[in-house]
Amino acid sequence: MDFLNLVSRLAKELDVEIPETDYPDMIDSLDALVNYLKHRAA
């Protein structure tokens, strides 16, 4: 549940939509999450 809370909060703060189907792309590491968010926010 912590992962979901983190993703939800980041999506809200960064004003980006993060579909559940993309969660596996982010869960491997913090770097993967940051890289994903850089691409979504661009």
PDB file of N, CA and C in Angstrom:
ATOM      1  N   MET A   1       0.822  -1.196   0.000  1.00  0.00           N
ATOM      2  CA  MET A   1       0.000   0.000   0.000  1.00  0.00           C
ATOM      3  C   MET A   1       0.864   1.257   0.000  1.00  0.00           C
ATOM      4  N   ASP A   2       2.042   1.216   0.571  1.00  0.00           N
ATOM      5  CA  ASP A   2       2.898   2.396   0.591  1.00  0.00           C
ATOM      6  C   ASP A   2       3.266   2.854  -0.811  1.00  0.00           C
ATOM      7  N   PHE A   3       3.514   1.894  -1.708  1.00  0.00           N
ATOM      8  CA  PHE A   3       3.844   2.242  -3.087  1.00  0.00           C
ATOM      9  C   PHE A   3       2.691   3.008  -3.728  1.00  0.00           C
ATOM     10  N   LEU A   4       1.486   2.534  -3.513  1.00  0.00           N
ATOM     11  CA  LEU A   4       0.314   3.198  -4.093  1.00  0.00           C
ATOM     12  C   LEU A   4       0.151   4.611  -3.542  1.00  0.00           C
ATOM     13  N   ASN A   5       0.389   4.781  -2.266  1.00  0.00           N
ATOM     14  CA  ASN A   5       0.311   6.115  -1.663  1.00  0.00           C
ATOM     15  C   ASN A   5       1.374   7.041  -2.252  1.00  0.00           C
ATOM     16  N   LEU A   6       2.567   6.524  -2.435  1.00  0.00           N
ATOM     17  CA  LEU A   6       3.652   7.313  -3.006  1.00  0.00           C
ATOM     18  C   LEU A   6       3.312   7.739  -4.429  1.00  0.00           C
ATOM     19  N   VAL A   7       2.878   6.793  -5.250  1.00  0.00           N
ATOM     20  CA  VAL A   7       2.545   7.098  -6.641  1.00  0.00           C
ATOM     21  C   VAL A   7       1.382   8.089  -6.717  1.00  0.00           C
ATOM     22  N   SER A   8       0.391   7.894  -5.881  1.00  0.00           N
ATOM     23  CA  SER A   8      -0.761   8.786  -5.867  1.00  0.00           C
ATOM     24  C   SER A   8      -0.343  10.208  -5.499  1.00  0.00           C
ATOM     25  N   ARG A   9       0.477  10.334  -4.501  1.00  0.00           N
ATOM     26  CA  ARG A   9       0.929  11.665  -4.055  1.00  0.00           C
ATOM     27  C   ARG A   9       1.809  12.341  -5.104  1.00  0.00           C
ATOM     28  N   LEU A  10       2.703  11.572  -5.724  1.00  0.00           N
ATOM     29  CA  LEU A  10       3.558  12.131  -6.764  1.00  0.00           C
ATOM     30  C   LEU A  10       2.728  12.598  -7.955  1.00  0.00           C
ATOM     31  N   ALA A  11       1.756  11.806  -8.351  1.00  0.00           N
ATOM     32  CA  ALA A  11       0.893  12.173  -9.463  1.00  0.00           C
ATOM     33  C   ALA A  11       0.167  13.484  -9.169  1.00  0.00           C
ATOM     34  N   LYS A  12      -0.315  13.607  -7.946  1.00  0.00           N
ATOM     35  CA  LYS A  12      -1.027  14.822  -7.557  1.00  0.00           C
ATOM     36  C   LYS A  12      -0.091  16.027  -7.531  1.00  0.00           C
ATOM     37  N   GLU A  13       1.059  15.873  -6.910  1.00  0.00           N
ATOM     38  CA  GLU A  13       2.006  16.979  -6.781  1.00  0.00           C
ATOM     39  C   GLU A  13       2.574  17.422  -8.132  1.00  0.00           C
ATOM     40  N   LEU A  14       2.812  16.461  -9.024  1.00  0.00           N
ATOM     41  CA  LEU A  14       3.403  16.768 -10.325  1.00  0.00           C
ATOM     42  C   LEU A  14       2.366  17.008 -11.406  1.00  0.00           C
ATOM     43  N   ASP A  15       1.100  16.822 -11.047  1.00  0.00           N
ATOM     44  CA  ASP A  15      -0.013  17.013 -11.976  1.00  0.00           C
ATOM     45  C   ASP A  15       0.157  16.168 -13.239  1.00  0.00           C
ATOM     46  N   VAL A  16       0.439  14.881 -13.027  1.00  0.00           N
ATOM     47  CA  VAL A  16       0.546  13.916 -14.127  1.00  0.00           C
ATOM     48  C   VAL A  16      -0.373  12.731 -13.836  1.00  0.00           C
ATOM     49  N   GLU A  17      -0.833  12.113 -14.914  1.00  0.00           N
ATOM     50  CA  GLU A  17      -1.641  10.911 -14.767  1.00  0.00           C
ATOM     51  C   GLU A  17      -0.715   9.707 -14.863  1.00  0.00           C
ATOM     52  N   ILE A  18      -0.831   8.795 -13.913  1.00  0.00           N
ATOM     53  CA  ILE A  18      -0.012   7.586 -13.905  1.00  0.00           C
ATOM     54  C   ILE A  18      -0.953   6.386 -13.925  1.00  0.00           C
ATOM     55  N   PRO A  19      -1.101   5.755 -15.091  1.00  0.00           N
ATOM     56  CA  PRO A  19      -1.990   4.598 -15.175  1.00  0.00           C
ATOM     57  C   PRO A  19      -1.408   3.389 -14.434  1.00  0.00           C
ATOM     58  N   GLU A  20      -2.291   2.586 -13.875  1.00  0.00           N
ATOM     59  CA  GLU A  20      -1.858   1.393 -13.134  1.00  0.00           C
ATOM     60  C   GLU A  20      -1.024   0.462 -13.990  1.00  0.00           C
ATOM     61  N   THR A  21      -1.262   0.446 -15.274  1.00  0.00           N
ATOM     62  CA  THR A  21      -0.494  -0.442 -16.163  1.00  0.00           C
ATOM     63  C   THR A  21       0.979  -0.051 -16.225  1.00  0.00           C
ATOM     64  N   ASP A  22       1.315   1.170 -15.821  1.00  0.00           N
ATOM     65  CA  ASP A  22       2.708   1.616 -15.822  1.00  0.00           C
ATOM     66  C   ASP A  22       3.429   1.327 -14.507  1.00  0.00           C
ATOM     67  N   TYR A  23       2.740   0.877 -13.497  1.00  0.00           N
ATOM     68  CA  TYR A  23       3.366   0.615 -12.196  1.00  0.00           C
ATOM     69  C   TYR A  23       4.569  -0.326 -12.282  1.00  0.00           C
ATOM     70  N   PRO A  24       4.505  -1.403 -13.064  1.00  0.00           N
ATOM     71  CA  PRO A  24       5.680  -2.283 -13.139  1.00  0.00           C
ATOM     72  C   PRO A  24       6.934  -1.572 -13.658  1.00  0.00           C
ATOM     73  N   ASP A  25       6.761  -0.525 -14.469  1.00  0.00           N
ATOM     74  CA  ASP A  25       7.904   0.226 -14.980  1.00  0.00           C
ATOM     75  C   ASP A  25       8.595   1.034 -13.887  1.00  0.00           C
ATOM     76  N   MET A  26       7.904   1.287 -12.802  1.00  0.00           N
ATOM     77  CA  MET A  26       8.430   2.156 -11.754  1.00  0.00           C
ATOM     78  C   MET A  26       8.894   1.412 -10.513  1.00  0.00           C
ATOM     79  N   ILE A  27       8.503   0.180 -10.355  1.00  0.00           N
ATOM     80  CA  ILE A  27       8.669  -0.489  -9.074  1.00  0.00           C
ATOM     81  C   ILE A  27      10.073  -1.069  -8.859  1.00  0.00           C
ATOM     82  N   ASP A  28      10.875  -1.167  -9.911  1.00  0.00           N
ATOM     83  CA  ASP A  28      12.186  -1.797  -9.794  1.00  0.00           C
ATOM     84  C   ASP A  28      13.151  -1.041  -8.890  1.00  0.00           C
ATOM     85  N   SER A  29      13.146   0.277  -8.999  1.00  0.00           N
ATOM     86  CA  SER A  29      14.078   1.073  -8.209  1.00  0.00           C
ATOM     87  C   SER A  29      13.607   2.522  -8.151  1.00  0.00           C
ATOM     88  N   LEU A  30      14.211   3.270  -7.281  1.00  0.00           N
ATOM     89  CA  LEU A  30      13.904   4.693  -7.180  1.00  0.00           C
ATOM     90  C   LEU A  30      14.323   5.406  -8.464  1.00  0.00           C
ATOM     91  N   ASP A  31      15.447   4.995  -9.042  1.00  0.00           N
ATOM     92  CA  ASP A  31      15.890   5.583 -10.309  1.00  0.00           C
ATOM     93  C   ASP A  31      14.862   5.350 -11.408  1.00  0.00           C
ATOM     94  N   ALA A  32      14.285   4.161 -11.460  1.00  0.00           N
ATOM     95  CA  ALA A  32      13.273   3.855 -12.464  1.00  0.00           C
ATOM     96  C   ALA A  32      12.058   4.754 -12.281  1.00  0.00           C
ATOM     97  N   LEU A  33      11.668   4.979 -11.036  1.00  0.00           N
ATOM     98  CA  LEU A  33      10.539   5.859 -10.748  1.00  0.00           C
ATOM     99  C   LEU A  33      10.833   7.297 -11.184  1.00  0.00           C
ATOM    100  N   VAL A  34      12.011   7.791 -10.857  1.00  0.00           N
ATOM    101  CA  VAL A  34      12.394   9.154 -11.225  1.00  0.00           C
ATOM    102  C   VAL A  34      12.440   9.308 -12.747  1.00  0.00           C
ATOM    103  N   ASN A  35      13.026   8.350 -13.445  1.00  0.00           N
ATOM    104  CA  ASN A  35      13.100   8.414 -14.900  1.00  0.00           C
ATOM    105  C   ASN A  35      11.710   8.383 -15.519  1.00  0.00           C
ATOM    106  N   TYR A  36      10.850   7.543 -14.997  1.00  0.00           N
ATOM    107  CA  TYR A  36       9.482   7.481 -15.494  1.00  0.00           C
ATOM    108  C   TYR A  36       8.798   8.836 -15.331  1.00  0.00           C
ATOM    109  N   LEU A  37       8.919   9.424 -14.168  1.00  0.00           N
ATOM    110  CA  LEU A  37       8.256  10.700 -13.890  1.00  0.00           C
ATOM    111  C   LEU A  37       8.843  11.829 -14.743  1.00  0.00           C
ATOM    112  N   LYS A  38      10.120  11.786 -15.015  1.00  0.00           N
ATOM    113  CA  LYS A  38      10.732  12.807 -15.890  1.00  0.00           C
ATOM    114  C   LYS A  38      10.083  12.759 -17.270  1.00  0.00           C
ATOM    115  N   HIS A  39       9.872  11.561 -17.776  1.00  0.00           N
ATOM    116  CA  HIS A  39       9.288  11.415 -19.103  1.00  0.00           C
ATOM    117  C   HIS A  39       7.810  11.792 -19.113  1.00  0.00           C
ATOM    118  N   ARG A  40       7.082  11.466 -18.067  1.00  0.00           N
ATOM    119  CA  ARG A  40       5.646  11.779 -18.006  1.00  0.00           C
ATOM    120  C   ARG A  40       5.424  13.273 -17.811  1.00  0.00           C
ATOM    121  N   ALA A  41       6.273  13.919 -17.072  1.00  0.00           N
ATOM    122  CA  ALA A  41       6.090  15.336 -16.773  1.00  0.00           C
ATOM    123  C   ALA A  41       6.576  16.243 -17.903  1.00  0.00           C
ATOM    124  N   ALA A  42       7.340  15.687 -18.809  1.00  0.00           N
ATOM    125  CA  ALA A  42       7.909  16.502 -19.900  1.00  0.00           C
ATOM    126  C   ALA A  42       6.872  16.892 -20.934  1.00  0.00           C
TER     127      ALA A  42
END
